[in-house]
Amino acid sequence: MSEAHSDDTSNAGQRPGRRGPPPNPIHHPLFLPVLLVAFTLWFGYDAFLTTDPEMQEHQMFNRIMYLVMQPICFRVIPRGITEFLEDQQSAAAAQAASSSA
């Protein structure tokens, strides 16, 4: 009886259909696009805007990486947004189906 009671109290704060540990934030569809945008901005700042003499030594590397990362970002950002919206729509449809049943 104590096991059933402890299971009921552990699921009290969660949604009824979910079991197991919370989802990993790395699997979120917008994780990679946000990370790539951050790196692109970093490379762009270090390549074109910084006046730090230590970073001037790596200016060519930063410019090359900025030019490599920029098209990747333009490709990954729309894909991540569409995946996020599809996940939201499927979750809303699943919730509507479970509440109507």
PDB file of N, CA and C in Angstrom:
ATOM      1  N   MET A   1       0.814  -1.187   0.000  1.00  0.00           N
ATOM      2  CA  MET A   1       0.000   0.000   0.000  1.00  0.00           C
ATOM      3  C   MET A   1       0.860   1.253   0.000  1.00  0.00           C
ATOM      4  N   SER A   2       1.997   1.208   0.662  1.00  0.00           N
ATOM      5  CA  SER A   2       2.855   2.394   0.709  1.00  0.00           C
ATOM      6  C   SER A   2       3.448   2.707  -0.656  1.00  0.00           C
ATOM      7  N   GLU A   3       3.710   1.687  -1.492  1.00  0.00           N
ATOM      8  CA  GLU A   3       4.235   1.942  -2.829  1.00  0.00           C
ATOM      9  C   GLU A   3       3.213   2.656  -3.698  1.00  0.00           C
ATOM     10  N   ALA A   4       1.968   2.233  -3.652  1.00  0.00           N
ATOM     11  CA  ALA A   4       0.923   2.868  -4.451  1.00  0.00           C
ATOM     12  C   ALA A   4       0.715   4.303  -3.995  1.00  0.00           C
ATOM     13  N   HIS A   5       0.773   4.529  -2.690  1.00  0.00           N
ATOM     14  CA  HIS A   5       0.598   5.882  -2.179  1.00  0.00           C
ATOM     15  C   HIS A   5       1.757   6.786  -2.588  1.00  0.00           C
ATOM     16  N   SER A   6       2.982   6.277  -2.560  1.00  0.00           N
ATOM     17  CA  SER A   6       4.130   7.097  -2.957  1.00  0.00           C
ATOM     18  C   SER A   6       4.104   7.388  -4.453  1.00  0.00           C
ATOM     19  N   ASP A   7       3.618   6.455  -5.282  1.00  0.00           N
ATOM     20  CA  ASP A   7       3.502   6.706  -6.715  1.00  0.00           C
ATOM     21  C   ASP A   7       2.464   7.781  -6.993  1.00  0.00           C
ATOM     22  N   ASP A   8       1.351   7.763  -6.248  1.00  0.00           N
ATOM     23  CA  ASP A   8       0.315   8.767  -6.450  1.00  0.00           C
ATOM     24  C   ASP A   8       0.810  10.155  -6.090  1.00  0.00           C
ATOM     25  N   THR A   9       1.589  10.263  -5.029  1.00  0.00           N
ATOM     26  CA  THR A   9       2.069  11.584  -4.620  1.00  0.00           C
ATOM     27  C   THR A   9       3.183  12.086  -5.526  1.00  0.00           C
ATOM     28  N   SER A  10       3.964  11.194  -6.118  1.00  0.00           N
ATOM     29  CA  SER A  10       5.043  11.640  -6.998  1.00  0.00           C
ATOM     30  C   SER A  10       4.499  12.171  -8.320  1.00  0.00           C
ATOM     31  N   ASN A  11       3.356  11.688  -8.772  1.00  0.00           N
ATOM     32  CA  ASN A  11       2.759  12.148 -10.023  1.00  0.00           C
ATOM     33  C   ASN A  11       1.769  13.287  -9.821  1.00  0.00           C
ATOM     34  N   ALA A  12       1.601  13.743  -8.592  1.00  0.00           N
ATOM     35  CA  ALA A  12       0.610  14.777  -8.317  1.00  0.00           C
ATOM     36  C   ALA A  12       0.955  16.094  -9.005  1.00  0.00           C
ATOM     37  N   GLY A  13       2.224  16.439  -9.098  1.00  0.00           N
ATOM     38  CA  GLY A  13       2.618  17.697  -9.703  1.00  0.00           C
ATOM     39  C   GLY A  13       2.821  17.627 -11.206  1.00  0.00           C
ATOM     40  N   GLN A  14       2.752  16.433 -11.779  1.00  0.00           N
ATOM     41  CA  GLN A  14       3.004  16.270 -13.211  1.00  0.00           C
ATOM     42  C   GLN A  14       1.696  16.144 -13.972  1.00  0.00           C
ATOM     43  N   ARG A  15       1.816  16.259 -15.289  1.00  0.00           N
ATOM     44  CA  ARG A  15       0.656  15.995 -16.133  1.00  0.00           C
ATOM     45  C   ARG A  15       0.348  14.503 -16.071  1.00  0.00           C
ATOM     46  N   PRO A  16      -0.899  14.121 -16.215  1.00  0.00           N
ATOM     47  CA  PRO A  16      -1.258  12.715 -16.018  1.00  0.00           C
ATOM     48  C   PRO A  16      -0.666  11.752 -17.039  1.00  0.00           C
ATOM     49  N   GLY A  17      -0.384  12.172 -18.267  1.00  0.00           N
ATOM     50  CA  GLY A  17       0.076  11.249 -19.291  1.00  0.00           C
ATOM     51  C   GLY A  17       1.577  11.047 -19.327  1.00  0.00           C
ATOM     52  N   ARG A  18       2.334  11.764 -18.528  1.00  0.00           N
ATOM     53  CA  ARG A  18       3.790  11.699 -18.628  1.00  0.00           C
ATOM     54  C   ARG A  18       4.370  10.787 -17.561  1.00  0.00           C
ATOM     55  N   ARG A  19       5.311   9.954 -17.967  1.00  0.00           N
ATOM     56  CA  ARG A  19       6.007   9.068 -17.034  1.00  0.00           C
ATOM     57  C   ARG A  19       7.499   9.224 -17.223  1.00  0.00           C
ATOM     58  N   GLY A  20       8.250   8.969 -16.185  1.00  0.00           N
ATOM     59  CA  GLY A  20       9.698   9.006 -16.266  1.00  0.00           C
ATOM     60  C   GLY A  20      10.264  10.381 -15.958  1.00  0.00           C
ATOM     61  N   PRO A  21      11.547  10.539 -16.209  1.00  0.00           N
ATOM     62  CA  PRO A  21      12.205  11.815 -15.887  1.00  0.00           C
ATOM     63  C   PRO A  21      11.780  12.920 -16.846  1.00  0.00           C
ATOM     64  N   PRO A  22      12.002  14.170 -16.468  1.00  0.00           N
ATOM     65  CA  PRO A  22      11.660  15.274 -17.366  1.00  0.00           C
ATOM     66  C   PRO A  22      12.513  15.231 -18.621  1.00  0.00           C
ATOM     67  N   PRO A  23      12.022  15.808 -19.714  1.00  0.00           N
ATOM     68  CA  PRO A  23      12.773  15.755 -20.974  1.00  0.00           C
ATOM     69  C   PRO A  23      14.088  16.533 -20.891  1.00  0.00           C
ATOM     70  N   ASN A  24      15.037  16.097 -21.664  1.00  0.00           N
ATOM     71  CA  ASN A  24      16.346  16.722 -21.704  1.00  0.00           C
ATOM     72  C   ASN A  24      16.276  18.007 -22.527  1.00  0.00           C
ATOM     73  N   PRO A  25      16.772  19.146 -22.020  1.00  0.00           N
ATOM     74  CA  PRO A  25      16.677  20.389 -22.789  1.00  0.00           C
ATOM     75  C   PRO A  25      17.498  20.367 -24.078  1.00  0.00           C
ATOM     76  N   ILE A  26      18.471  19.483 -24.188  1.00  0.00           N
ATOM     77  CA  ILE A  26      19.271  19.404 -25.409  1.00  0.00           C
ATOM     78  C   ILE A  26      18.430  18.888 -26.575  1.00  0.00           C
ATOM     79  N   HIS A  27      17.355  18.168 -26.283  1.00  0.00           N
ATOM     80  CA  HIS A  27      16.502  17.621 -27.341  1.00  0.00           C
ATOM     81  C   HIS A  27      15.460  18.623 -27.811  1.00  0.00           C
ATOM     82  N   HIS A  28      15.468  19.813 -27.274  1.00  0.00           N
ATOM     83  CA  HIS A  28      14.517  20.847 -27.699  1.00  0.00           C
ATOM     84  C   HIS A  28      14.862  21.281 -29.120  1.00  0.00           C
ATOM     85  N   PRO A  29      13.880  21.487 -29.989  1.00  0.00           N
ATOM     86  CA  PRO A  29      14.167  21.820 -31.396  1.00  0.00           C
ATOM     87  C   PRO A  29      14.890  23.152 -31.591  1.00  0.00           C
ATOM     88  N   LEU A  30      14.807  24.049 -30.640  1.00  0.00           N
ATOM     89  CA  LEU A  30      15.461  25.348 -30.798  1.00  0.00           C
ATOM     90  C   LEU A  30      16.828  25.416 -30.109  1.00  0.00           C
ATOM     91  N   PHE A  31      17.272  24.331 -29.488  1.00  0.00           N
ATOM     92  CA  PHE A  31      18.562  24.356 -28.789  1.00  0.00           C
ATOM     93  C   PHE A  31      19.716  24.590 -29.762  1.00  0.00           C
ATOM     94  N   LEU A  32      19.793  23.810 -30.819  1.00  0.00           N
ATOM     95  CA  LEU A  32      20.886  23.940 -31.779  1.00  0.00           C
ATOM     96  C   LEU A  32      20.865  25.283 -32.518  1.00  0.00           C
ATOM     97  N   PRO A  33      19.713  25.756 -33.003  1.00  0.00           N
ATOM     98  CA  PRO A  33      19.733  27.067 -33.654  1.00  0.00           C
ATOM     99  C   PRO A  33      20.204  28.202 -32.741  1.00  0.00           C
ATOM    100  N   VAL A  34      19.775  28.194 -31.482  1.00  0.00           N
ATOM    101  CA  VAL A  34      20.205  29.243 -30.553  1.00  0.00           C
ATOM    102  C   VAL A  34      21.701  29.141 -30.297  1.00  0.00           C
ATOM    103  N   LEU A  35      22.205  27.929 -30.150  1.00  0.00           N
ATOM    104  CA  LEU A  35      23.638  27.737 -29.929  1.00  0.00           C
ATOM    105  C   LEU A  35      24.451  28.206 -31.136  1.00  0.00           C
ATOM    106  N   LEU A  36      23.998  27.882 -32.343  1.00  0.00           N
ATOM    107  CA  LEU A  36      24.713  28.304 -33.546  1.00  0.00           C
ATOM    108  C   LEU A  36      24.679  29.817 -33.732  1.00  0.00           C
ATOM    109  N   VAL A  37      23.558  30.445 -33.404  1.00  0.00           N
ATOM    110  CA  VAL A  37      23.480  31.907 -33.496  1.00  0.00           C
ATOM    111  C   VAL A  37      24.442  32.545 -32.503  1.00  0.00           C
ATOM    112  N   ALA A  38      24.527  31.992 -31.308  1.00  0.00           N
ATOM    113  CA  ALA A  38      25.451  32.528 -30.306  1.00  0.00           C
ATOM    114  C   ALA A  38      26.901  32.420 -30.793  1.00  0.00           C
ATOM    115  N   PHE A  39      27.270  31.278 -31.342  1.00  0.00           N
ATOM    116  CA  PHE A  39      28.636  31.130 -31.864  1.00  0.00           C
ATOM    117  C   PHE A  39      28.892  32.066 -33.042  1.00  0.00           C
ATOM    118  N   THR A  40      27.904  32.222 -33.911  1.00  0.00           N
ATOM    119  CA  THR A  40      28.072  33.113 -35.059  1.00  0.00           C
ATOM    120  C   THR A  40      28.270  34.553 -34.604  1.00  0.00           C
ATOM    121  N   LEU A  41      27.481  34.980 -33.631  1.00  0.00           N
ATOM    122  CA  LEU A  41      27.655  36.335 -33.102  1.00  0.00           C
ATOM    123  C   LEU A  41      29.015  36.504 -32.438  1.00  0.00           C
ATOM    124  N   TRP A  42      29.456  35.475 -31.738  1.00  0.00           N
ATOM    125  CA  TRP A  42      30.771  35.526 -31.085  1.00  0.00           C
ATOM    126  C   TRP A  42      31.874  35.663 -32.135  1.00  0.00           C
ATOM    127  N   PHE A  43      31.824  34.817 -33.147  1.00  0.00           N
ATOM    128  CA  PHE A  43      32.847  34.888 -34.195  1.00  0.00           C
ATOM    129  C   PHE A  43      32.795  36.222 -34.921  1.00  0.00           C
ATOM    130  N   GLY A  44      31.603  36.726 -35.190  1.00  0.00           N
ATOM    131  CA  GLY A  44      31.479  38.014 -35.860  1.00  0.00           C
ATOM    132  C   GLY A  44      32.033  39.152 -35.037  1.00  0.00           C
ATOM    133  N   TYR A  45      31.769  39.130 -33.732  1.00  0.00           N
ATOM    134  CA  TYR A  45      32.300  40.180 -32.864  1.00  0.00           C
ATOM    135  C   TYR A  45      33.825  40.115 -32.818  1.00  0.00           C
ATOM    136  N   ASP A  46      34.359  38.915 -32.615  1.00  0.00           N
ATOM    137  CA  ASP A  46      35.814  38.773 -32.546  1.00  0.00           C
ATOM    138  C   ASP A  46      36.484  39.052 -33.883  1.00  0.00           C
ATOM    139  N   ALA A  47      35.792  38.841 -34.971  1.00  0.00           N
ATOM    140  CA  ALA A  47      36.398  39.030 -36.291  1.00  0.00           C
ATOM    141  C   ALA A  47      36.390  40.480 -36.739  1.00  0.00           C
ATOM    142  N   PHE A  48      35.323  41.222 -36.433  1.00  0.00           N
ATOM    143  CA  PHE A  48      35.161  42.540 -37.036  1.00  0.00           C
ATOM    144  C   PHE A  48      35.088  43.698 -36.042  1.00  0.00           C
ATOM    145  N   LEU A  49      34.699  43.463 -34.796  1.00  0.00           N
ATOM    146  CA  LEU A  49      34.444  44.568 -33.887  1.00  0.00           C
ATOM    147  C   LEU A  49      35.432  44.717 -32.735  1.00  0.00           C
ATOM    148  N   THR A  50      36.095  43.669 -32.339  1.00  0.00           N
ATOM    149  CA  THR A  50      36.942  43.734 -31.155  1.00  0.00           C
ATOM    150  C   THR A  50      38.229  44.523 -31.431  1.00  0.00           C
ATOM    151  N   THR A  51      38.708  45.180 -30.384  1.00  0.00           N
ATOM    152  CA  THR A  51      39.985  45.898 -30.461  1.00  0.00           C
ATOM    153  C   THR A  51      41.014  45.286 -29.521  1.00  0.00           C
ATOM    154  N   ASP A  52      40.700  44.141 -28.953  1.00  0.00           N
ATOM    155  CA  ASP A  52      41.608  43.449 -28.044  1.00  0.00           C
ATOM    156  C   ASP A  52      42.813  42.931 -28.828  1.00  0.00           C
ATOM    157  N   PRO A  53      44.038  43.324 -28.427  1.00  0.00           N
ATOM    158  CA  PRO A  53      45.213  42.878 -29.196  1.00  0.00           C
ATOM    159  C   PRO A  53      45.422  41.362 -29.178  1.00  0.00           C
ATOM    160  N   GLU A  54      44.997  40.685 -28.115  1.00  0.00           N
ATOM    161  CA  GLU A  54      45.152  39.229 -28.076  1.00  0.00           C
ATOM    162  C   GLU A  54      44.228  38.546 -29.082  1.00  0.00           C
ATOM    163  N   MET A  55      43.071  39.132 -29.309  1.00  0.00           N
ATOM    164  CA  MET A  55      42.137  38.537 -30.266  1.00  0.00           C
ATOM    165  C   MET A  55      42.504  38.886 -31.704  1.00  0.00           C
ATOM    166  N   GLN A  56      43.294  39.909 -31.911  1.00  0.00           N
ATOM    167  CA  GLN A  56      43.731  40.266 -33.268  1.00  0.00           C
ATOM    168  C   GLN A  56      44.585  39.159 -33.874  1.00  0.00           C
ATOM    169  N   GLU A  57      45.248  38.376 -33.020  1.00  0.00           N
ATOM    170  CA  GLU A  57      46.058  37.259 -33.514  1.00  0.00           C
ATOM    171  C   GLU A  57      45.186  36.200 -34.199  1.00  0.00           C
ATOM    172  N   HIS A  58      43.930  36.075 -33.764  1.00  0.00           N
ATOM    173  CA  HIS A  58      43.029  35.043 -34.279  1.00  0.00           C
ATOM    174  C   HIS A  58      41.965  35.623 -35.200  1.00  0.00           C
ATOM    175  N   GLN A  59      42.203  36.783 -35.731  1.00  0.00           N
ATOM    176  CA  GLN A  59      41.202  37.476 -36.525  1.00  0.00           C
ATOM    177  C   GLN A  59      40.830  36.704 -37.794  1.00  0.00           C
ATOM    178  N   MET A  60      41.784  36.126 -38.469  1.00  0.00           N
ATOM    179  CA  MET A  60      41.494  35.397 -39.697  1.00  0.00           C
ATOM    180  C   MET A  60      40.657  34.143 -39.411  1.00  0.00           C
ATOM    181  N   PHE A  61      40.994  33.429 -38.351  1.00  0.00           N
ATOM    182  CA  PHE A  61      40.200  32.255 -37.956  1.00  0.00           C
ATOM    183  C   PHE A  61      38.760  32.656 -37.666  1.00  0.00           C
ATOM    184  N   ASN A  62      38.570  33.740 -36.919  1.00  0.00           N
ATOM    185  CA  ASN A  62      37.223  34.185 -36.580  1.00  0.00           C
ATOM    186  C   ASN A  62      36.438  34.626 -37.821  1.00  0.00           C
ATOM    187  N   ARG A  63      37.089  35.254 -38.767  1.00  0.00           N
ATOM    188  CA  ARG A  63      36.401  35.659 -39.989  1.00  0.00           C
ATOM    189  C   ARG A  63      35.982  34.450 -40.818  1.00  0.00           C
ATOM    190  N   ILE A  64      36.858  33.474 -40.917  1.00  0.00           N
ATOM    191  CA  ILE A  64      36.519  32.258 -41.662  1.00  0.00           C
ATOM    192  C   ILE A  64      35.369  31.529 -40.988  1.00  0.00           C
ATOM    193  N   MET A  65      35.429  31.382 -39.650  1.00  0.00           N
ATOM    194  CA  MET A  65      34.363  30.688 -38.943  1.00  0.00           C
ATOM    195  C   MET A  65      33.048  31.449 -39.016  1.00  0.00           C
ATOM    196  N   TYR A  66      33.104  32.768 -39.021  1.00  0.00           N
ATOM    197  CA  TYR A  66      31.885  33.566 -39.185  1.00  0.00           C
ATOM    198  C   TYR A  66      31.251  33.293 -40.548  1.00  0.00           C
ATOM    199  N   LEU A  67      32.078  33.246 -41.576  1.00  0.00           N
ATOM    200  CA  LEU A  67      31.556  32.996 -42.917  1.00  0.00           C
ATOM    201  C   LEU A  67      31.060  31.560 -43.091  1.00  0.00           C
ATOM    202  N   VAL A  68      31.596  30.627 -42.319  1.00  0.00           N
ATOM    203  CA  VAL A  68      31.127  29.242 -42.368  1.00  0.00           C
ATOM    204  C   VAL A  68      29.819  29.089 -41.586  1.00  0.00           C
ATOM    205  N   MET A  69      29.747  29.731 -40.425  1.00  0.00           N
ATOM    206  CA  MET A  69      28.590  29.563 -39.545  1.00  0.00           C
ATOM    207  C   MET A  69      27.351  30.306 -40.041  1.00  0.00           C
ATOM    208  N   GLN A  70      27.532  31.407 -40.729  1.00  0.00           N
ATOM    209  CA  GLN A  70      26.394  32.214 -41.148  1.00  0.00           C
ATOM    210  C   GLN A  70      25.424  31.441 -42.056  1.00  0.00           C
ATOM    211  N   PRO A  71      25.873  30.774 -43.120  1.00  0.00           N
ATOM    212  CA  PRO A  71      24.904  30.013 -43.936  1.00  0.00           C
ATOM    213  C   PRO A  71      24.291  28.834 -43.181  1.00  0.00           C
ATOM    214  N   ILE A  72      25.054  28.247 -42.267  1.00  0.00           N
ATOM    215  CA  ILE A  72      24.502  27.142 -41.478  1.00  0.00           C
ATOM    216  C   ILE A  72      23.351  27.649 -40.626  1.00  0.00           C
ATOM    217  N   CYS A  73      23.512  28.823 -40.042  1.00  0.00           N
ATOM    218  CA  CYS A  73      22.436  29.409 -39.231  1.00  0.00           C
ATOM    219  C   CYS A  73      21.206  29.689 -40.079  1.00  0.00           C
ATOM    220  N   PHE A  74      21.409  30.218 -41.269  1.00  0.00           N
ATOM    221  CA  PHE A  74      20.267  30.517 -42.136  1.00  0.00           C
ATOM    222  C   PHE A  74      19.526  29.248 -42.551  1.00  0.00           C
ATOM    223  N   ARG A  75      20.195  28.134 -42.531  1.00  0.00           N
ATOM    224  CA  ARG A  75      19.571  26.855 -42.880  1.00  0.00           C
ATOM    225  C   ARG A  75      18.893  26.205 -41.667  1.00  0.00           C
ATOM    226  N   VAL A  76      19.510  26.297 -40.493  1.00  0.00           N
ATOM    227  CA  VAL A  76      19.033  25.576 -39.318  1.00  0.00           C
ATOM    228  C   VAL A  76      17.915  26.318 -38.582  1.00  0.00           C
ATOM    229  N   ILE A  77      17.932  27.642 -38.577  1.00  0.00           N
ATOM    230  CA  ILE A  77      16.937  28.407 -37.823  1.00  0.00           C
ATOM    231  C   ILE A  77      15.511  28.144 -38.317  1.00  0.00           C
ATOM    232  N   PRO A  78      15.211  28.251 -39.617  1.00  0.00           N
ATOM    233  CA  PRO A  78      13.826  27.966 -40.042  1.00  0.00           C
ATOM    234  C   PRO A  78      13.401  26.527 -39.763  1.00  0.00           C
ATOM    235  N   ARG A  79      14.329  25.586 -39.915  1.00  0.00           N
ATOM    236  CA  ARG A  79      14.006  24.187 -39.640  1.00  0.00           C
ATOM    237  C   ARG A  79      13.680  23.990 -38.159  1.00  0.00           C
ATOM    238  N   GLY A  80      14.448  24.619 -37.278  1.00  0.00           N
ATOM    239  CA  GLY A  80      14.183  24.509 -35.845  1.00  0.00           C
ATOM    240  C   GLY A  80      12.857  25.129 -35.457  1.00  0.00           C
ATOM    241  N   ILE A  81      12.520  26.259 -36.067  1.00  0.00           N
ATOM    242  CA  ILE A  81      11.254  26.908 -35.758  1.00  0.00           C
ATOM    243  C   ILE A  81      10.080  26.057 -36.226  1.00  0.00           C
ATOM    244  N   THR A  82      10.175  25.478 -37.419  1.00  0.00           N
ATOM    245  CA  THR A  82       9.073  24.632 -37.903  1.00  0.00           C
ATOM    246  C   THR A  82       8.929  23.374 -37.046  1.00  0.00           C
ATOM    247  N   GLU A  83      10.044  22.772 -36.621  1.00  0.00           N
ATOM    248  CA  GLU A  83       9.963  21.602 -35.743  1.00  0.00           C
ATOM    249  C   GLU A  83       9.323  21.970 -34.408  1.00  0.00           C
ATOM    250  N   PHE A  84       9.675  23.137 -33.872  1.00  0.00           N
ATOM    251  CA  PHE A  84       9.096  23.585 -32.616  1.00  0.00           C
ATOM    252  C   PHE A  84       7.590  23.790 -32.753  1.00  0.00           C
ATOM    253  N   LEU A  85       7.165  24.430 -33.834  1.00  0.00           N
ATOM    254  CA  LEU A  85       5.741  24.660 -34.047  1.00  0.00           C
ATOM    255  C   LEU A  85       4.986  23.346 -34.267  1.00  0.00           C
ATOM    256  N   GLU A  86       5.593  22.402 -34.983  1.00  0.00           N
ATOM    257  CA  GLU A  86       4.966  21.097 -35.175  1.00  0.00           C
ATOM    258  C   GLU A  86       4.820  20.359 -33.854  1.00  0.00           C
ATOM    259  N   ASP A  87       5.848  20.432 -32.991  1.00  0.00           N
ATOM    260  CA  ASP A  87       5.755  19.801 -31.674  1.00  0.00           C
ATOM    261  C   ASP A  87       4.649  20.429 -30.840  1.00  0.00           C
ATOM    262  N   GLN A  88       4.533  21.749 -30.900  1.00  0.00           N
ATOM    263  CA  GLN A  88       3.479  22.431 -30.154  1.00  0.00           C
ATOM    264  C   GLN A  88       2.100  22.023 -30.659  1.00  0.00           C
ATOM    265  N   GLN A  89       1.936  21.927 -31.974  1.00  0.00           N
ATOM    266  CA  GLN A  89       0.642  21.542 -32.543  1.00  0.00           C
ATOM    267  C   GLN A  89       0.294  20.097 -32.213  1.00  0.00           C
ATOM    268  N   SER A  90       1.276  19.204 -32.273  1.00  0.00           N
ATOM    269  CA  SER A  90       0.994  17.801 -31.957  1.00  0.00           C
ATOM    270  C   SER A  90       0.678  17.627 -30.476  1.00  0.00           C
ATOM    271  N   ALA A  91       1.352  18.393 -29.602  1.00  0.00           N
ATOM    272  CA  ALA A  91       1.053  18.319 -28.173  1.00  0.00           C
ATOM    273  C   ALA A  91      -0.349  18.855 -27.888  1.00  0.00           C
ATOM    274  N   ALA A  92      -0.740  19.930 -28.573  1.00  0.00           N
ATOM    275  CA  ALA A  92      -2.090  20.481 -28.378  1.00  0.00           C
ATOM    276  C   ALA A  92      -3.141  19.514 -28.906  1.00  0.00           C
ATOM    277  N   ALA A  93      -2.869  18.866 -30.028  1.00  0.00           N
ATOM    278  CA  ALA A  93      -3.820  17.903 -30.579  1.00  0.00           C
ATOM    279  C   ALA A  93      -3.939  16.680 -29.667  1.00  0.00           C
ATOM    280  N   ALA A  94      -2.830  16.217 -29.104  1.00  0.00           N
ATOM    281  CA  ALA A  94      -2.863  15.071 -28.196  1.00  0.00           C
ATOM    282  C   ALA A  94      -3.603  15.418 -26.909  1.00  0.00           C
ATOM    283  N   GLN A  95      -3.410  16.632 -26.431  1.00  0.00           N
ATOM    284  CA  GLN A  95      -4.098  17.057 -25.218  1.00  0.00           C
ATOM    285  C   GLN A  95      -5.600  17.192 -25.477  1.00  0.00           C
ATOM    286  N   ALA A  96      -5.963  17.723 -26.633  1.00  0.00           N
ATOM    287  CA  ALA A  96      -7.383  17.857 -26.973  1.00  0.00           C
ATOM    288  C   ALA A  96      -8.029  16.479 -27.136  1.00  0.00           C
ATOM    289  N   ALA A  97      -7.295  15.542 -27.729  1.00  0.00           N
ATOM    290  CA  ALA A  97      -7.837  14.198 -27.918  1.00  0.00           C
ATOM    291  C   ALA A  97      -7.989  13.485 -26.591  1.00  0.00           C
ATOM    292  N   SER A  98      -7.050  13.660 -25.671  1.00  0.00           N
ATOM    293  CA  SER A  98      -7.138  12.992 -24.378  1.00  0.00           C
ATOM    294  C   SER A  98      -8.209  13.620 -23.502  1.00  0.00           C
ATOM    295  N   SER A  99      -8.443  14.911 -23.618  1.00  0.00           N
ATOM    296  CA  SER A  99      -9.466  15.546 -22.791  1.00  0.00           C
ATOM    297  C   SER A  99     -10.877  15.260 -23.311  1.00  0.00           C
ATOM    298  N   SER A 100     -11.008  15.043 -24.616  1.00  0.00           N
ATOM    299  CA  SER A 100     -12.340  14.746 -25.165  1.00  0.00           C
ATOM    300  C   SER A 100     -12.712  13.270 -24.986  1.00  0.00           C
ATOM    301  N   ALA A 101     -11.732  12.422 -24.764  1.00  0.00           N
ATOM    302  CA  ALA A 101     -12.014  10.984 -24.611  1.00  0.00           C
ATOM    303  C   ALA A 101     -12.455  10.622 -23.227  1.00  0.00           C
TER     304      ALA A 101
END
